[in-house]
PDB file of N, CA and C in Angstrom:
ATOM      1  N   UNK A   1       0.729  -1.067   0.099  1.00  0.00           N
ATOM      2  CA  UNK A   1      -0.136   0.164  -0.262  1.00  0.00           C
ATOM      3  C   UNK A   1       0.507   1.166   0.083  1.00  0.00           C
ATOM      4  N   UNK A   2       2.052   1.280   0.529  1.00  0.00           N
ATOM      5  CA  UNK A   2       3.072   2.220   0.558  1.00  0.00           C
ATOM      6  C   UNK A   2       4.732   2.005   0.225  1.00  0.00           C
ATOM      7  N   UNK A   3       5.456   2.868  -0.708  1.00  0.00           N
ATOM      8  CA  UNK A   3       6.472   1.664  -0.665  1.00  0.00           C
ATOM      9  C   UNK A   3       7.331   1.848   0.583  1.00  0.00           C
ATOM     10  N   UNK A   4       8.643   0.749   0.988  1.00  0.00           N
ATOM     11  CA  UNK A   4       9.108   0.364   1.985  1.00  0.00           C
ATOM     12  C   UNK A   4      10.990   0.391   1.538  1.00  0.00           C
ATOM     13  N   UNK A   5      11.284  -0.153   2.061  1.00  0.00           N
ATOM     14  CA  UNK A   5      12.989  -0.003   2.002  1.00  0.00           C
ATOM     15  C   UNK A   5      12.730  -0.654   0.505  1.00  0.00           C
ATOM     16  N   UNK A   6      12.743  -1.967   0.098  1.00  0.00           N
ATOM     17  CA  UNK A   6      12.589  -2.760  -1.206  1.00  0.00           C
ATOM     18  C   UNK A   6      12.817  -1.464  -2.063  1.00  0.00           C
ATOM     19  N   UNK A   7      11.411  -0.703  -2.386  1.00  0.00           N
ATOM     20  CA  UNK A   7      11.206  -0.554  -3.168  1.00  0.00           C
ATOM     21  C   UNK A   7      11.787   1.222  -3.356  1.00  0.00           C
ATOM     22  N   UNK A   8      12.592   1.630  -2.581  1.00  0.00           N
ATOM     23  CA  UNK A   8      13.519   2.466  -2.454  1.00  0.00           C
ATOM     24  C   UNK A   8      14.293   2.393  -3.603  1.00  0.00           C
ATOM     25  N   UNK A   9      14.742   0.758  -2.667  1.00  0.00           N
ATOM     26  CA  UNK A   9      16.170   0.176  -3.334  1.00  0.00           C
ATOM     27  C   UNK A   9      16.217   0.063  -4.660  1.00  0.00           C
ATOM     28  N   UNK A  10      15.371  -0.289  -5.237  1.00  0.00           N
ATOM     29  CA  UNK A  10      14.774  -0.813  -6.227  1.00  0.00           C
ATOM     30  C   UNK A  10      15.460   0.724  -7.739  1.00  0.00           C
ATOM     31  N   UNK A  11      14.192   1.359  -7.268  1.00  0.00           N
ATOM     32  CA  UNK A  11      13.342   3.020  -7.323  1.00  0.00           C
ATOM     33  C   UNK A  11      14.511   3.109  -9.074  1.00  0.00           C
ATOM     34  N   UNK A  12      15.938   3.577  -8.865  1.00  0.00           N
ATOM     35  CA  UNK A  12      16.755   4.112  -9.392  1.00  0.00           C
ATOM     36  C   UNK A  12      17.364   3.415 -10.253  1.00  0.00           C
ATOM     37  N   UNK A  13      16.983   2.120 -10.450  1.00  0.00           N
ATOM     38  CA  UNK A  13      16.992   1.376 -11.656  1.00  0.00           C
ATOM     39  C   UNK A  13      16.039   1.820 -12.527  1.00  0.00           C
ATOM     40  N   UNK A  14      14.649   1.950 -12.094  1.00  0.00           N
ATOM     41  CA  UNK A  14      13.163   2.174 -12.920  1.00  0.00           C
ATOM     42  C   UNK A  14      13.279   3.951 -13.146  1.00  0.00           C
ATOM     43  N   UNK A  15      14.327   4.392 -12.031  1.00  0.00           N
ATOM     44  CA  UNK A  15      13.976   6.341 -12.946  1.00  0.00           C
ATOM     45  C   UNK A  15      14.557   6.471 -14.087  1.00  0.00           C
ATOM     46  N   UNK A  16      15.871   5.146 -14.644  1.00  0.00           N
ATOM     47  CA  UNK A  16      16.790   5.358 -15.553  1.00  0.00           C
ATOM     48  C   UNK A  16      15.670   4.762 -16.690  1.00  0.00           C
ATOM     49  N   UNK A  17      14.682   4.697 -17.124  1.00  0.00           N
ATOM     50  CA  UNK A  17      13.961   4.461 -17.938  1.00  0.00           C
ATOM     51  C   UNK A  17      13.898   5.488 -18.788  1.00  0.00           C
ATOM     52  N   UNK A  18      13.246   6.285 -18.616  1.00  0.00           N
ATOM     53  CA  UNK A  18      12.757   7.262 -19.565  1.00  0.00           C
ATOM     54  C   UNK A  18      14.230   7.703 -20.469  1.00  0.00           C
ATOM     55  N   UNK A  19      15.699   7.529 -20.031  1.00  0.00           N
ATOM     56  CA  UNK A  19      16.369   7.829 -20.634  1.00  0.00           C
ATOM     57  C   UNK A  19      16.731   6.293 -21.858  1.00  0.00           C
ATOM     58  N   UNK A  20      16.758   5.358 -21.033  1.00  0.00           N
ATOM     59  CA  UNK A  20      17.084   4.578 -22.284  1.00  0.00           C
ATOM     60  C   UNK A  20      15.472   4.414 -22.799  1.00  0.00           C
ATOM     61  N   UNK A  21      14.939   4.427 -22.794  1.00  0.00           N
ATOM     62  CA  UNK A  21      13.295   4.201 -23.855  1.00  0.00           C
ATOM     63  C   UNK A  21      13.838   5.235 -25.042  1.00  0.00           C
ATOM     64  N   UNK A  22      15.260   6.140 -24.790  1.00  0.00           N
ATOM     65  CA  UNK A  22      15.249   6.980 -26.658  1.00  0.00           C
ATOM     66  C   UNK A  22      16.018   5.577 -27.363  1.00  0.00           C
ATOM     67  N   UNK A  23      16.389   4.791 -26.844  1.00  0.00           N
ATOM     68  CA  UNK A  23      17.201   3.469 -27.463  1.00  0.00           C
ATOM     69  C   UNK A  23      16.006   2.521 -27.921  1.00  0.00           C
ATOM     70  N   UNK A  24      14.740   2.724 -27.959  1.00  0.00           N
ATOM     71  CA  UNK A  24      13.945   1.687 -27.829  1.00  0.00           C
ATOM     72  C   UNK A  24      13.151   1.248 -27.209  1.00  0.00           C
ATOM     73  N   UNK A  25      13.609   1.530 -25.833  1.00  0.00           N
ATOM     74  CA  UNK A  25      12.999   0.536 -25.066  1.00  0.00           C
ATOM     75  C   UNK A  25      12.116   1.484 -24.028  1.00  0.00           C
ATOM     76  N   UNK A  26      10.537   0.303 -24.200  1.00  0.00           N
ATOM     77  CA  UNK A  26       9.331   0.993 -23.382  1.00  0.00           C
ATOM     78  C   UNK A  26       8.467   0.071 -22.678  1.00  0.00           C
ATOM     79  N   UNK A  27       9.173   1.018 -21.686  1.00  0.00           N
ATOM     80  CA  UNK A  27       8.320  -0.102 -20.218  1.00  0.00           C
ATOM     81  C   UNK A  27       7.263  -0.009 -20.318  1.00  0.00           C
ATOM     82  N   UNK A  28       6.427  -1.549 -20.591  1.00  0.00           N
ATOM     83  CA  UNK A  28       5.404  -2.483 -20.221  1.00  0.00           C
ATOM     84  C   UNK A  28       4.498  -1.811 -21.891  1.00  0.00           C
ATOM     85  N   UNK A  29       5.394  -1.406 -22.841  1.00  0.00           N
ATOM     86  CA  UNK A  29       5.075  -1.681 -24.189  1.00  0.00           C
ATOM     87  C   UNK A  29       4.111  -2.701 -24.816  1.00  0.00           C
ATOM     88  N   UNK A  30       3.866  -3.488 -24.020  1.00  0.00           N
ATOM     89  CA  UNK A  30       3.476  -4.498 -24.779  1.00  0.00           C
ATOM     90  C   UNK A  30       1.819  -4.810 -23.922  1.00  0.00           C
ATOM     91  N   UNK A  31       1.745  -4.312 -22.782  1.00  0.00           N
ATOM     92  CA  UNK A  31       0.983  -4.078 -22.184  1.00  0.00           C
ATOM     93  C   UNK A  31       0.514  -5.410 -20.899  1.00  0.00           C
ATOM     94  N   UNK A  32       1.202  -5.979 -20.758  1.00  0.00           N
ATOM     95  CA  UNK A  32       1.319  -7.299 -20.009  1.00  0.00           C
ATOM     96  C   UNK A  32       1.947  -6.909 -18.654  1.00  0.00           C
ATOM     97  N   UNK A  33       2.541  -5.689 -18.648  1.00  0.00           N
ATOM     98  CA  UNK A  33       2.876  -5.487 -16.642  1.00  0.00           C
ATOM     99  C   UNK A  33       2.614  -4.424 -16.523  1.00  0.00           C
ATOM    100  N   UNK A  34       1.162  -4.651 -16.015  1.00  0.00           N
ATOM    101  CA  UNK A  34       0.255  -3.823 -15.560  1.00  0.00           C
ATOM    102  C   UNK A  34       0.669  -3.124 -14.056  1.00  0.00           C
ATOM    103  N   UNK A  35       0.766  -4.427 -13.269  1.00  0.00           N
ATOM    104  CA  UNK A  35       1.455  -4.082 -12.127  1.00  0.00           C
ATOM    105  C   UNK A  35       2.800  -3.570 -12.064  1.00  0.00           C
ATOM    106  N   UNK A  36       3.636  -3.427 -12.301  1.00  0.00           N
ATOM    107  CA  UNK A  36       4.392  -3.086 -12.632  1.00  0.00           C
ATOM    108  C   UNK A  36       4.631  -1.422 -13.442  1.00  0.00           C
ATOM    109  N   UNK A  37       3.324  -1.112 -14.011  1.00  0.00           N
ATOM    110  CA  UNK A  37       3.317   0.579 -14.228  1.00  0.00           C
ATOM    111  C   UNK A  37       2.741   0.857 -13.544  1.00  0.00           C
ATOM    112  N   UNK A  38       2.152   0.426 -12.951  1.00  0.00           N
ATOM    113  CA  UNK A  38       0.843   1.119 -11.679  1.00  0.00           C
ATOM    114  C   UNK A  38       2.060   1.534 -10.448  1.00  0.00           C
ATOM    115  N   UNK A  39       3.037   0.717 -10.615  1.00  0.00           N
ATOM    116  CA  UNK A  39       4.049   0.558  -9.196  1.00  0.00           C
ATOM    117  C   UNK A  39       5.100   1.731  -9.916  1.00  0.00           C
ATOM    118  N   UNK A  40       5.834   1.704 -10.811  1.00  0.00           N
ATOM    119  CA  UNK A  40       6.721   3.003 -11.692  1.00  0.00           C
ATOM    120  C   UNK A  40       5.728   4.440 -12.023  1.00  0.00           C
ATOM    121  N   UNK A  41       4.629   4.269 -11.554  1.00  0.00           N
ATOM    122  CA  UNK A  41       3.903   6.052 -11.466  1.00  0.00           C
ATOM    123  C   UNK A  41       3.494   6.063 -10.215  1.00  0.00           C
ATOM    124  N   UNK A  42       3.140   4.980  -9.200  1.00  0.00           N
ATOM    125  CA  UNK A  42       3.244   5.647  -7.905  1.00  0.00           C
ATOM    126  C   UNK A  42       4.273   5.642  -6.974  1.00  0.00           C
ATOM    127  N   UNK A  43       5.316   5.200  -7.591  1.00  0.00           N
ATOM    128  CA  UNK A  43       6.524   5.855  -7.177  1.00  0.00           C
ATOM    129  C   UNK A  43       7.282   7.529  -7.765  1.00  0.00           C
ATOM    130  N   UNK A  44       6.784   7.338  -9.200  1.00  0.00           N
ATOM    131  CA  UNK A  44       7.621   8.707  -9.076  1.00  0.00           C
ATOM    132  C   UNK A  44       6.282  10.032  -8.507  1.00  0.00           C
ATOM    133  N   UNK A  45       5.360   9.303  -7.435  1.00  0.00           N
ATOM    134  CA  UNK A  45       4.189  10.702  -7.120  1.00  0.00           C
ATOM    135  C   UNK A  45       4.733  10.762  -5.992  1.00  0.00           C
ATOM    136  N   UNK A  46       5.879   9.217  -5.606  1.00  0.00           N
ATOM    137  CA  UNK A  46       5.914   9.996  -4.207  1.00  0.00           C
ATOM    138  C   UNK A  46       6.619  10.785  -3.599  1.00  0.00           C
ATOM    139  N   UNK A  47       6.506  11.239  -2.787  1.00  0.00           N
ATOM    140  CA  UNK A  47       6.963  12.612  -2.092  1.00  0.00           C
ATOM    141  C   UNK A  47       8.700  12.532  -1.671  1.00  0.00           C
ATOM    142  N   UNK A  48       8.829  11.499  -0.795  1.00  0.00           N
ATOM    143  CA  UNK A  48      10.602  11.195  -0.968  1.00  0.00           C
ATOM    144  C   UNK A  48      11.206  10.746  -2.694  1.00  0.00           C
ATOM    145  N   UNK A  49      10.730  10.421  -3.116  1.00  0.00           N
ATOM    146  CA  UNK A  49      11.442  10.122  -4.233  1.00  0.00           C
ATOM    147  C   UNK A  49      11.429  11.027  -5.541  1.00  0.00           C
ATOM    148  N   UNK A  50      10.095  12.199  -5.056  1.00  0.00           N
ATOM    149  CA  UNK A  50      10.616  13.515  -6.165  1.00  0.00           C
ATOM    150  C   UNK A  50      11.627  14.221  -5.295  1.00  0.00           C
ATOM    151  N   UNK A  51      11.886  14.317  -4.035  1.00  0.00           N
ATOM    152  CA  UNK A  51      13.153  15.295  -3.753  1.00  0.00           C
ATOM    153  C   UNK A  51      14.492  14.898  -3.836  1.00  0.00           C
ATOM    154  N   UNK A  52      14.489  13.127  -4.092  1.00  0.00           N
ATOM    155  CA  UNK A  52      16.203  12.741  -4.468  1.00  0.00           C
ATOM    156  C   UNK A  52      16.029  12.819  -6.198  1.00  0.00           C
ATOM    157  N   UNK A  53      15.313  13.007  -6.568  1.00  0.00           N
ATOM    158  CA  UNK A  53      14.923  12.220  -8.185  1.00  0.00           C
ATOM    159  C   UNK A  53      16.214  13.061  -8.868  1.00  0.00           C
ATOM    160  N   UNK A  54      17.151  12.443  -9.695  1.00  0.00           N
ATOM    161  CA  UNK A  54      17.703  12.707 -10.568  1.00  0.00           C
ATOM    162  C   UNK A  54      17.141  13.865 -11.769  1.00  0.00           C
ATOM    163  N   UNK A  55      17.186  15.179 -12.423  1.00  0.00           N
ATOM    164  CA  UNK A  55      16.833  15.436 -13.294  1.00  0.00           C
ATOM    165  C   UNK A  55      17.009  14.525 -14.900  1.00  0.00           C
ATOM    166  N   UNK A  56      15.861  15.019 -15.423  1.00  0.00           N
ATOM    167  CA  UNK A  56      16.163  13.473 -16.682  1.00  0.00           C
ATOM    168  C   UNK A  56      17.257  14.085 -17.605  1.00  0.00           C
ATOM    169  N   UNK A  57      17.505  15.332 -17.679  1.00  0.00           N
ATOM    170  CA  UNK A  57      18.504  15.768 -18.576  1.00  0.00           C
ATOM    171  C   UNK A  57      20.041  15.928 -17.792  1.00  0.00           C
ATOM    172  N   UNK A  58      20.374  15.632 -16.689  1.00  0.00           N
ATOM    173  CA  UNK A  58      21.346  14.895 -15.964  1.00  0.00           C
ATOM    174  C   UNK A  58      21.759  13.759 -16.476  1.00  0.00           C
ATOM    175  N   UNK A  59      20.647  13.046 -16.330  1.00  0.00           N
ATOM    176  CA  UNK A  59      20.693  11.664 -16.592  1.00  0.00           C
ATOM    177  C   UNK A  59      20.773  11.555 -18.205  1.00  0.00           C
ATOM    178  N   UNK A  60      20.490  12.062 -19.200  1.00  0.00           N
ATOM    179  CA  UNK A  60      20.565  12.166 -19.996  1.00  0.00           C
ATOM    180  C   UNK A  60      22.351  12.573 -20.341  1.00  0.00           C
ATOM    181  N   UNK A  61      23.114  13.265 -19.910  1.00  0.00           N
ATOM    182  CA  UNK A  61      23.821  14.656 -20.135  1.00  0.00           C
ATOM    183  C   UNK A  61      24.836  12.834 -19.525  1.00  0.00           C
ATOM    184  N   UNK A  62      24.979  12.743 -18.146  1.00  0.00           N
ATOM    185  CA  UNK A  62      25.726  11.299 -17.760  1.00  0.00           C
ATOM    186  C   UNK A  62      25.590  10.129 -18.676  1.00  0.00           C
ATOM    187  N   UNK A  63      24.821   9.581 -19.342  1.00  0.00           N
ATOM    188  CA  UNK A  63      25.111   8.452 -20.261  1.00  0.00           C
ATOM    189  C   UNK A  63      25.361   8.629 -21.153  1.00  0.00           C
ATOM    190  N   UNK A  64      25.658  10.273 -21.857  1.00  0.00           N
ATOM    191  CA  UNK A  64      26.243  10.083 -23.437  1.00  0.00           C
ATOM    192  C   UNK A  64      27.905  10.306 -23.031  1.00  0.00           C
ATOM    193  N   UNK A  65      28.276  10.802 -21.947  1.00  0.00           N
ATOM    194  CA  UNK A  65      29.457  10.612 -21.635  1.00  0.00           C
ATOM    195  C   UNK A  65      29.953   9.354 -21.147  1.00  0.00           C
ATOM    196  N   UNK A  66      29.435   7.935 -20.627  1.00  0.00           N
ATOM    197  CA  UNK A  66      29.100   6.593 -20.631  1.00  0.00           C
ATOM    198  C   UNK A  66      29.683   6.211 -21.677  1.00  0.00           C
ATOM    199  N   UNK A  67      28.631   6.714 -23.227  1.00  0.00           N
ATOM    200  CA  UNK A  67      28.464   5.878 -24.450  1.00  0.00           C
ATOM    201  C   UNK A  67      29.802   6.604 -24.931  1.00  0.00           C
ATOM    202  N   UNK A  68      30.369   7.414 -24.424  1.00  0.00           N
ATOM    203  CA  UNK A  68      31.854   8.579 -25.510  1.00  0.00           C
ATOM    204  C   UNK A  68      33.092   7.981 -24.468  1.00  0.00           C
ATOM    205  N   UNK A  69      32.306   6.878 -23.395  1.00  0.00           N
ATOM    206  CA  UNK A  69      33.782   6.005 -22.963  1.00  0.00           C
ATOM    207  C   UNK A  69      34.621   6.972 -21.686  1.00  0.00           C
ATOM    208  N   UNK A  70      33.747   8.004 -21.192  1.00  0.00           N
ATOM    209  CA  UNK A  70      34.673   9.216 -20.109  1.00  0.00           C
ATOM    210  C   UNK A  70      33.480   9.193 -19.654  1.00  0.00           C
ATOM    211  N   UNK A  71      33.251   8.269 -18.814  1.00  0.00           N
ATOM    212  CA  UNK A  71      31.580   8.536 -17.623  1.00  0.00           C
ATOM    213  C   UNK A  71      31.773   9.925 -17.207  1.00  0.00           C
ATOM    214  N   UNK A  72      31.285  10.966 -17.087  1.00  0.00           N
ATOM    215  CA  UNK A  72      31.343  11.715 -15.969  1.00  0.00           C
ATOM    216  C   UNK A  72      30.846  12.131 -14.988  1.00  0.00           C
ATOM    217  N   UNK A  73      31.112  11.811 -13.389  1.00  0.00           N
ATOM    218  CA  UNK A  73      30.416  11.459 -12.510  1.00  0.00           C
ATOM    219  C   UNK A  73      29.616  12.789 -11.807  1.00  0.00           C
ATOM    220  N   UNK A  74      30.790  13.964 -11.975  1.00  0.00           N
ATOM    221  CA  UNK A  74      30.053  15.095 -11.227  1.00  0.00           C
ATOM    222  C   UNK A  74      29.453  16.286 -12.356  1.00  0.00           C
ATOM    223  N   UNK A  75      28.663  15.572 -13.220  1.00  0.00           N
ATOM    224  CA  UNK A  75      27.506  16.626 -14.137  1.00  0.00           C
ATOM    225  C   UNK A  75      26.465  17.273 -13.175  1.00  0.00           C
ATOM    226  N   UNK A  76      26.526  18.494 -13.553  1.00  0.00           N
ATOM    227  CA  UNK A  76      25.727  19.324 -12.948  1.00  0.00           C
ATOM    228  C   UNK A  76      24.127  20.323 -13.964  1.00  0.00           C
TER     229      UNK A  76
END
């Protein structure tokens, strides 16, 4: 009914999906994971997640540096 420690521990992997979707991956594209999709939306709306969320633009910049083989962990 509300997020626990495990939810917060795995959330960062799901937080990256919008950036990964640029390469063609779309979570629940076939509609076979409705509970997971609902969980993702609930986590996005969670107050704690919103406070620590990494802005999508920063994630995009970071993943671009990784693709170039020069991971920059200090992007702002």
